[in-house]
């Protein structure tokens, strides 16, 4: 049965090192996603770890995206998540201040309390790495790898 394992990282280098080690241990890049608040940070992670293009969500590009960015900077509009990897389409563009990211995570099967805590971490500009495992037995291996790379506790 497929299983999700999430890890929270405070610095992009920790996230990249964890992703690289996951791939060395047989986890395919197509099963690894990342989400955060900072597009520039995620672009570097995506490039360095080769997990796919960064998505900002619909309506966050072009003229509207520029206007939205100004609104976010002036605290007039809620900030939104950026994501890379297979979960990007589901998570990119989710509002961070209105539970949009938490709702998206709940839709992926994350319990509500945990989803809300992950969304708070993303709003703090932490990086959330999401791994879709084909089997539960690999969970401990992923958690050990995350721990080696300074994973932040959920709560």
N, C-alpha and C. Protein backbone atom coordinates (compact mmCIF):
# COMPACT_ATOMS: atom_id res chain seq x y z
N UNK A 1 0.85 -1.18 0.00
CA UNK A 1 0.00 0.00 0.00
C UNK A 1 0.89 1.24 0.00
N UNK A 2 0.65 2.19 -0.90
CA UNK A 2 1.46 3.41 -0.95
C UNK A 2 1.37 4.20 0.36
N UNK A 3 2.50 4.78 0.75
CA UNK A 3 2.61 5.51 2.01
C UNK A 3 3.31 6.84 1.76
N UNK A 4 2.84 7.89 2.42
CA UNK A 4 3.51 9.19 2.35
C UNK A 4 4.37 9.39 3.59
N UNK A 5 5.58 9.90 3.37
CA UNK A 5 6.46 10.30 4.47
C UNK A 5 6.87 11.74 4.19
N UNK A 6 6.70 12.60 5.18
CA UNK A 6 7.03 14.01 5.03
C UNK A 6 8.15 14.38 5.99
N UNK A 7 9.04 15.24 5.52
CA UNK A 7 10.11 15.76 6.36
C UNK A 7 10.20 17.26 6.20
N UNK A 8 10.52 17.95 7.28
CA UNK A 8 10.60 19.40 7.29
C UNK A 8 12.07 19.79 7.44
N UNK A 9 12.52 20.69 6.58
CA UNK A 9 13.92 21.12 6.61
C UNK A 9 13.98 22.64 6.69
N UNK A 10 14.93 23.14 7.46
CA UNK A 10 15.09 24.57 7.64
C UNK A 10 15.98 25.23 6.61
N UNK A 11 16.78 24.45 5.93
CA UNK A 11 17.70 25.01 4.94
C UNK A 11 17.67 24.17 3.67
N UNK A 12 17.79 24.83 2.54
CA UNK A 12 17.70 24.12 1.26
C UNK A 12 18.79 23.06 1.11
N UNK A 13 19.99 23.30 1.65
CA UNK A 13 21.06 22.31 1.49
C UNK A 13 20.71 21.02 2.22
N UNK A 14 20.06 21.11 3.37
CA UNK A 14 19.64 19.89 4.08
C UNK A 14 18.61 19.13 3.25
N UNK A 15 17.67 19.85 2.66
CA UNK A 15 16.65 19.20 1.83
C UNK A 15 17.28 18.53 0.61
N UNK A 16 18.21 19.21 -0.05
CA UNK A 16 18.86 18.65 -1.24
C UNK A 16 19.66 17.40 -0.86
N UNK A 17 20.42 17.47 0.22
CA UNK A 17 21.21 16.31 0.64
C UNK A 17 20.32 15.12 0.99
N UNK A 18 19.19 15.39 1.64
CA UNK A 18 18.26 14.31 1.97
C UNK A 18 17.67 13.70 0.70
N UNK A 19 17.27 14.54 -0.25
CA UNK A 19 16.71 14.04 -1.51
C UNK A 19 17.74 13.22 -2.27
N UNK A 20 18.96 13.71 -2.33
CA UNK A 20 20.02 12.97 -3.03
C UNK A 20 20.25 11.60 -2.39
N UNK A 21 20.25 11.56 -1.06
CA UNK A 21 20.45 10.27 -0.39
C UNK A 21 19.25 9.34 -0.60
N UNK A 22 18.05 9.90 -0.63
CA UNK A 22 16.87 9.08 -0.93
C UNK A 22 17.03 8.42 -2.29
N UNK A 23 17.46 9.21 -3.28
CA UNK A 23 17.63 8.67 -4.64
C UNK A 23 18.73 7.62 -4.68
N UNK A 24 19.81 7.82 -3.94
CA UNK A 24 20.89 6.82 -3.89
C UNK A 24 20.41 5.52 -3.25
N UNK A 25 19.38 5.62 -2.42
CA UNK A 25 18.83 4.45 -1.74
C UNK A 25 17.61 3.87 -2.46
N UNK A 26 17.46 4.20 -3.73
CA UNK A 26 16.44 3.56 -4.54
C UNK A 26 15.10 4.26 -4.65
N UNK A 27 14.93 5.40 -4.01
CA UNK A 27 13.67 6.14 -4.14
C UNK A 27 13.77 6.96 -5.43
N UNK A 28 12.83 6.77 -6.32
CA UNK A 28 12.87 7.47 -7.61
C UNK A 28 12.46 8.93 -7.46
N UNK A 29 13.09 9.79 -8.25
CA UNK A 29 12.78 11.22 -8.21
C UNK A 29 11.30 11.47 -8.47
N UNK A 30 10.67 10.62 -9.27
CA UNK A 30 9.25 10.82 -9.58
C UNK A 30 8.35 10.57 -8.37
N UNK A 31 8.93 10.09 -7.26
CA UNK A 31 8.17 9.88 -6.03
C UNK A 31 8.51 10.91 -4.95
N UNK A 32 9.28 11.93 -5.32
CA UNK A 32 9.72 12.94 -4.35
C UNK A 32 9.21 14.32 -4.77
N UNK A 33 8.57 15.00 -3.83
CA UNK A 33 8.07 16.36 -4.06
C UNK A 33 8.59 17.27 -2.95
N UNK A 34 8.50 18.56 -3.18
CA UNK A 34 8.86 19.54 -2.15
C UNK A 34 7.93 20.73 -2.27
N UNK A 35 7.66 21.35 -1.13
CA UNK A 35 6.79 22.53 -1.09
C UNK A 35 7.34 23.51 -0.06
N UNK A 36 7.23 24.78 -0.36
CA UNK A 36 7.66 25.84 0.55
C UNK A 36 7.00 27.15 0.13
N UNK A 37 7.38 28.21 0.80
CA UNK A 37 6.84 29.54 0.52
C UNK A 37 7.71 30.29 -0.49
N UNK A 38 9.00 30.01 -0.50
CA UNK A 38 9.96 30.77 -1.30
C UNK A 38 10.25 30.11 -2.65
N UNK A 39 9.83 30.76 -3.72
CA UNK A 39 10.04 30.22 -5.06
C UNK A 39 11.52 30.06 -5.39
N UNK A 40 12.33 31.06 -5.07
CA UNK A 40 13.77 30.99 -5.38
C UNK A 40 14.43 29.80 -4.69
N UNK A 41 14.08 29.57 -3.44
CA UNK A 41 14.64 28.44 -2.70
C UNK A 41 14.27 27.13 -3.38
N UNK A 42 13.00 27.00 -3.76
CA UNK A 42 12.56 25.75 -4.37
C UNK A 42 13.15 25.57 -5.76
N UNK A 43 13.37 26.64 -6.49
CA UNK A 43 14.01 26.52 -7.80
C UNK A 43 15.42 25.95 -7.66
N UNK A 44 16.15 26.38 -6.65
CA UNK A 44 17.50 25.85 -6.42
C UNK A 44 17.43 24.38 -6.03
N UNK A 45 16.52 24.03 -5.14
CA UNK A 45 16.36 22.63 -4.72
C UNK A 45 15.99 21.78 -5.92
N UNK A 46 15.03 22.24 -6.71
CA UNK A 46 14.57 21.48 -7.87
C UNK A 46 15.70 21.24 -8.86
N UNK A 47 16.50 22.26 -9.09
CA UNK A 47 17.64 22.13 -10.01
C UNK A 47 18.71 21.21 -9.45
N UNK A 48 19.09 21.43 -8.19
CA UNK A 48 20.17 20.64 -7.58
C UNK A 48 19.79 19.18 -7.37
N UNK A 49 18.53 18.93 -7.02
CA UNK A 49 18.10 17.56 -6.72
C UNK A 49 17.35 16.90 -7.87
N UNK A 50 17.09 17.65 -8.93
CA UNK A 50 16.42 17.11 -10.12
C UNK A 50 15.10 16.41 -9.78
N UNK A 51 14.19 17.17 -9.14
CA UNK A 51 12.90 16.57 -8.79
C UNK A 51 11.75 17.10 -9.65
N UNK A 52 12.05 17.94 -10.62
CA UNK A 52 11.00 18.44 -11.50
C UNK A 52 10.88 19.95 -11.42
N UNK A 53 10.11 20.49 -12.34
CA UNK A 53 9.95 21.94 -12.42
C UNK A 53 9.13 22.48 -11.25
N UNK A 54 9.42 23.70 -10.90
CA UNK A 54 8.69 24.39 -9.84
C UNK A 54 7.38 24.93 -10.42
N UNK A 55 6.31 24.71 -9.70
CA UNK A 55 5.00 25.23 -10.10
C UNK A 55 4.51 26.21 -9.05
N UNK A 56 3.93 27.29 -9.52
CA UNK A 56 3.42 28.32 -8.61
C UNK A 56 1.90 28.28 -8.48
N UNK A 57 1.25 27.52 -9.32
CA UNK A 57 -0.21 27.47 -9.29
C UNK A 57 -0.81 28.40 -10.31
N UNK A 58 -2.06 28.16 -10.65
CA UNK A 58 -2.74 28.97 -11.65
C UNK A 58 -2.90 30.40 -11.14
N UNK A 59 -2.73 31.34 -12.04
CA UNK A 59 -2.94 32.73 -11.68
C UNK A 59 -1.76 33.39 -10.98
N UNK A 60 -0.64 32.71 -10.88
CA UNK A 60 0.52 33.30 -10.23
C UNK A 60 1.60 33.68 -11.22
N UNK A 61 1.27 33.72 -12.49
CA UNK A 61 2.23 34.09 -13.53
C UNK A 61 1.71 35.30 -14.29
N UNK A 62 2.52 35.87 -15.15
CA UNK A 62 2.10 36.98 -16.00
C UNK A 62 1.75 38.23 -15.22
N UNK A 63 0.91 39.06 -15.82
CA UNK A 63 0.53 40.33 -15.21
C UNK A 63 -0.19 40.12 -13.87
N UNK A 64 -1.11 39.16 -13.84
CA UNK A 64 -1.82 38.90 -12.59
C UNK A 64 -0.85 38.44 -11.51
N UNK A 65 0.10 37.60 -11.88
CA UNK A 65 1.09 37.12 -10.92
C UNK A 65 1.94 38.25 -10.37
N UNK A 66 2.30 39.19 -11.23
CA UNK A 66 3.07 40.35 -10.78
C UNK A 66 2.25 41.18 -9.79
N UNK A 67 0.99 41.43 -10.14
CA UNK A 67 0.11 42.19 -9.25
C UNK A 67 -0.10 41.43 -7.94
N UNK A 68 -0.25 40.12 -8.03
CA UNK A 68 -0.43 39.31 -6.82
C UNK A 68 0.81 39.39 -5.95
N UNK A 69 1.98 39.32 -6.57
CA UNK A 69 3.24 39.42 -5.83
C UNK A 69 3.36 40.73 -5.08
N UNK A 70 2.93 41.81 -5.73
CA UNK A 70 2.93 43.12 -5.05
C UNK A 70 1.96 43.12 -3.88
N UNK A 71 0.80 42.52 -4.08
CA UNK A 71 -0.19 42.43 -3.01
C UNK A 71 0.31 41.63 -1.83
N UNK A 72 1.03 40.55 -2.09
CA UNK A 72 1.62 39.74 -1.03
C UNK A 72 2.65 40.57 -0.27
N UNK A 73 3.49 41.29 -1.02
CA UNK A 73 4.52 42.11 -0.40
C UNK A 73 3.95 43.21 0.49
N UNK A 74 2.78 43.69 0.15
CA UNK A 74 2.12 44.75 0.93
C UNK A 74 1.15 44.18 1.95
N UNK A 75 1.15 42.86 2.15
CA UNK A 75 0.25 42.18 3.08
C UNK A 75 -1.22 42.41 2.75
N UNK A 76 -1.53 42.56 1.46
CA UNK A 76 -2.91 42.75 1.03
C UNK A 76 -3.52 41.43 0.54
N UNK A 77 -2.67 40.48 0.20
CA UNK A 77 -3.11 39.20 -0.34
C UNK A 77 -2.34 38.10 0.37
N UNK A 78 -2.99 36.97 0.63
CA UNK A 78 -2.33 35.85 1.28
C UNK A 78 -1.23 35.28 0.39
N UNK A 79 -0.12 34.88 1.00
CA UNK A 79 0.97 34.25 0.27
C UNK A 79 0.55 32.84 -0.10
N UNK A 80 1.18 32.28 -1.14
CA UNK A 80 0.82 30.94 -1.57
C UNK A 80 2.05 30.05 -1.69
N UNK A 81 1.80 28.76 -1.68
CA UNK A 81 2.87 27.77 -1.73
C UNK A 81 3.37 27.58 -3.15
N UNK A 82 4.65 27.22 -3.26
CA UNK A 82 5.22 26.77 -4.52
C UNK A 82 5.66 25.34 -4.30
N UNK A 83 5.61 24.53 -5.35
CA UNK A 83 5.91 23.11 -5.19
C UNK A 83 6.62 22.57 -6.43
N UNK A 84 7.34 21.47 -6.23
CA UNK A 84 8.01 20.76 -7.32
C UNK A 84 7.82 19.27 -7.10
N UNK A 85 7.87 18.52 -8.18
CA UNK A 85 7.68 17.07 -8.08
C UNK A 85 6.26 16.68 -8.42
N UNK A 86 5.94 15.40 -8.25
CA UNK A 86 4.62 14.91 -8.66
C UNK A 86 3.44 15.52 -7.90
N UNK A 87 3.65 16.00 -6.70
CA UNK A 87 2.56 16.60 -5.93
C UNK A 87 2.39 18.08 -6.23
N UNK A 88 3.21 18.63 -7.10
CA UNK A 88 3.21 20.07 -7.36
C UNK A 88 1.86 20.58 -7.84
N UNK A 89 1.22 19.87 -8.73
CA UNK A 89 -0.06 20.36 -9.26
C UNK A 89 -1.12 20.47 -8.17
N UNK A 90 -1.05 19.59 -7.19
CA UNK A 90 -2.03 19.60 -6.10
C UNK A 90 -1.72 20.68 -5.06
N UNK A 91 -0.43 20.98 -4.87
CA UNK A 91 -0.03 21.87 -3.78
C UNK A 91 0.30 23.29 -4.21
N UNK A 92 0.78 23.48 -5.43
CA UNK A 92 1.22 24.80 -5.89
C UNK A 92 0.04 25.77 -5.92
N UNK A 93 0.28 26.96 -5.41
CA UNK A 93 -0.74 27.99 -5.41
C UNK A 93 -1.67 27.97 -4.21
N UNK A 94 -1.53 26.96 -3.35
CA UNK A 94 -2.39 26.88 -2.17
C UNK A 94 -2.07 28.04 -1.22
N UNK A 95 -3.11 28.73 -0.77
CA UNK A 95 -2.90 29.84 0.16
C UNK A 95 -2.33 29.32 1.47
N UNK A 96 -1.32 30.02 1.97
CA UNK A 96 -0.70 29.61 3.23
C UNK A 96 -1.43 30.18 4.44
N UNK A 97 -2.10 31.29 4.26
CA UNK A 97 -2.74 31.95 5.40
C UNK A 97 -4.21 31.57 5.56
N UNK A 98 -4.78 30.89 4.61
CA UNK A 98 -6.21 30.55 4.68
C UNK A 98 -6.44 29.05 4.67
N UNK A 99 -5.50 28.28 5.15
CA UNK A 99 -5.61 26.82 5.24
C UNK A 99 -5.62 26.11 3.91
N UNK A 100 -5.30 26.80 2.81
CA UNK A 100 -5.30 26.15 1.50
C UNK A 100 -4.31 25.00 1.41
N UNK A 101 -3.09 25.20 1.93
CA UNK A 101 -2.10 24.13 1.90
C UNK A 101 -2.51 22.99 2.81
N UNK A 102 -3.03 23.32 3.98
CA UNK A 102 -3.48 22.27 4.91
C UNK A 102 -4.57 21.43 4.26
N UNK A 103 -5.52 22.07 3.61
CA UNK A 103 -6.61 21.34 2.95
C UNK A 103 -6.06 20.43 1.84
N UNK A 104 -5.09 20.94 1.08
CA UNK A 104 -4.48 20.12 0.03
C UNK A 104 -3.77 18.90 0.61
N UNK A 105 -3.07 19.10 1.73
CA UNK A 105 -2.38 17.97 2.39
C UNK A 105 -3.39 16.97 2.95
N UNK A 106 -4.47 17.47 3.51
CA UNK A 106 -5.53 16.58 4.01
C UNK A 106 -6.07 15.75 2.85
N UNK A 107 -6.24 16.38 1.70
CA UNK A 107 -6.71 15.67 0.51
C UNK A 107 -5.76 14.57 0.05
N UNK A 108 -4.49 14.68 0.44
CA UNK A 108 -3.50 13.65 0.10
C UNK A 108 -3.45 12.55 1.15
N UNK A 109 -4.23 12.71 2.23
CA UNK A 109 -4.28 11.68 3.26
C UNK A 109 -3.56 12.01 4.55
N UNK A 110 -3.07 13.24 4.69
CA UNK A 110 -2.39 13.66 5.92
C UNK A 110 -3.47 14.04 6.94
N UNK A 111 -3.37 13.55 8.20
CA UNK A 111 -4.35 13.93 9.23
C UNK A 111 -4.41 15.45 9.41
N UNK A 112 -5.59 15.96 9.75
CA UNK A 112 -5.82 17.41 9.81
C UNK A 112 -4.82 18.14 10.71
N UNK A 113 -4.61 17.67 11.93
CA UNK A 113 -3.69 18.36 12.84
C UNK A 113 -2.28 18.43 12.26
N UNK A 114 -1.84 17.33 11.67
CA UNK A 114 -0.51 17.30 11.05
C UNK A 114 -0.45 18.22 9.84
N UNK A 115 -1.50 18.19 9.01
CA UNK A 115 -1.54 19.03 7.81
C UNK A 115 -1.45 20.51 8.19
N UNK A 116 -2.16 20.90 9.24
CA UNK A 116 -2.10 22.29 9.69
C UNK A 116 -0.71 22.66 10.19
N UNK A 117 -0.05 21.72 10.88
CA UNK A 117 1.31 21.97 11.38
C UNK A 117 2.30 22.07 10.22
N UNK A 118 2.16 21.21 9.20
CA UNK A 118 3.04 21.30 8.03
C UNK A 118 2.84 22.64 7.32
N UNK A 119 1.60 23.09 7.20
CA UNK A 119 1.31 24.36 6.54
C UNK A 119 1.95 25.52 7.31
N UNK A 120 1.94 25.44 8.64
CA UNK A 120 2.59 26.48 9.45
C UNK A 120 4.10 26.50 9.18
N UNK A 121 4.69 25.32 9.06
CA UNK A 121 6.12 25.25 8.74
C UNK A 121 6.41 25.86 7.37
N UNK A 122 5.57 25.57 6.39
CA UNK A 122 5.77 26.15 5.06
C UNK A 122 5.67 27.67 5.12
N UNK A 123 4.75 28.17 5.91
CA UNK A 123 4.60 29.62 6.05
C UNK A 123 5.82 30.25 6.72
N UNK A 124 6.55 29.46 7.51
CA UNK A 124 7.79 29.92 8.14
C UNK A 124 8.99 29.78 7.20
N UNK A 125 8.71 29.44 5.94
CA UNK A 125 9.72 29.27 4.89
C UNK A 125 10.56 28.01 5.06
N UNK A 126 10.05 27.06 5.84
CA UNK A 126 10.70 25.75 5.90
C UNK A 126 10.35 24.99 4.62
N UNK A 127 11.15 23.99 4.30
CA UNK A 127 10.93 23.18 3.11
C UNK A 127 10.34 21.84 3.54
N UNK A 128 9.24 21.46 2.94
CA UNK A 128 8.62 20.18 3.24
C UNK A 128 8.90 19.24 2.07
N UNK A 129 9.58 18.15 2.37
CA UNK A 129 9.87 17.13 1.36
C UNK A 129 8.86 16.01 1.56
N UNK A 130 8.21 15.62 0.48
CA UNK A 130 7.16 14.61 0.52
C UNK A 130 7.61 13.43 -0.33
N UNK A 131 7.60 12.25 0.28
CA UNK A 131 8.03 11.04 -0.43
C UNK A 131 6.86 10.07 -0.48
N UNK A 132 6.52 9.64 -1.68
CA UNK A 132 5.49 8.62 -1.87
C UNK A 132 6.18 7.28 -1.99
N UNK A 133 5.97 6.43 -1.00
CA UNK A 133 6.61 5.12 -0.98
C UNK A 133 5.66 4.05 -1.49
N UNK A 134 6.16 3.11 -2.29
CA UNK A 134 5.29 2.05 -2.79
C UNK A 134 4.88 1.07 -1.69
N UNK A 135 5.66 1.02 -0.62
CA UNK A 135 5.34 0.09 0.47
C UNK A 135 5.74 0.68 1.82
N UNK A 136 4.99 0.34 2.83
CA UNK A 136 5.18 0.84 4.20
C UNK A 136 6.56 0.48 4.76
N UNK A 137 7.13 -0.64 4.32
CA UNK A 137 8.40 -1.12 4.88
C UNK A 137 9.54 -0.12 4.68
N UNK A 138 9.44 0.75 3.71
CA UNK A 138 10.51 1.71 3.43
C UNK A 138 10.43 2.97 4.31
N UNK A 139 9.35 3.12 5.07
CA UNK A 139 9.14 4.31 5.90
C UNK A 139 10.32 4.58 6.83
N UNK A 140 10.75 3.56 7.55
CA UNK A 140 11.84 3.75 8.52
C UNK A 140 13.13 4.18 7.83
N UNK A 141 13.41 3.61 6.67
CA UNK A 141 14.61 3.99 5.91
C UNK A 141 14.58 5.48 5.57
N UNK A 142 13.44 5.96 5.11
CA UNK A 142 13.29 7.37 4.76
C UNK A 142 13.43 8.25 6.01
N UNK A 143 12.83 7.84 7.10
CA UNK A 143 12.91 8.63 8.33
C UNK A 143 14.35 8.71 8.85
N UNK A 144 15.11 7.64 8.71
CA UNK A 144 16.52 7.64 9.12
C UNK A 144 17.31 8.62 8.23
N UNK A 145 17.05 8.59 6.94
CA UNK A 145 17.73 9.51 6.02
C UNK A 145 17.38 10.96 6.36
N UNK A 146 16.10 11.23 6.59
CA UNK A 146 15.69 12.58 6.97
C UNK A 146 16.42 13.02 8.25
N UNK A 147 16.47 12.15 9.25
CA UNK A 147 17.10 12.49 10.53
C UNK A 147 18.58 12.84 10.35
N UNK A 148 19.25 12.18 9.43
CA UNK A 148 20.67 12.45 9.18
C UNK A 148 20.89 13.84 8.59
N UNK A 149 19.85 14.43 8.06
CA UNK A 149 19.97 15.72 7.38
C UNK A 149 19.17 16.82 8.07
N UNK A 150 19.15 16.77 9.40
CA UNK A 150 18.59 17.86 10.21
C UNK A 150 17.10 18.10 10.01
N UNK A 151 16.32 17.03 9.93
CA UNK A 151 14.88 17.19 9.82
C UNK A 151 14.35 17.89 11.08
N UNK A 152 13.38 18.76 10.90
CA UNK A 152 12.78 19.51 12.01
C UNK A 152 11.55 18.74 12.48
N UNK A 153 11.35 18.62 13.81
CA UNK A 153 10.15 17.94 14.30
C UNK A 153 8.87 18.66 13.85
N UNK A 154 7.82 17.91 13.64
CA UNK A 154 6.55 18.48 13.17
C UNK A 154 5.98 19.47 14.19
N UNK A 155 5.97 19.07 15.44
CA UNK A 155 5.34 19.92 16.48
C UNK A 155 6.31 20.20 17.61
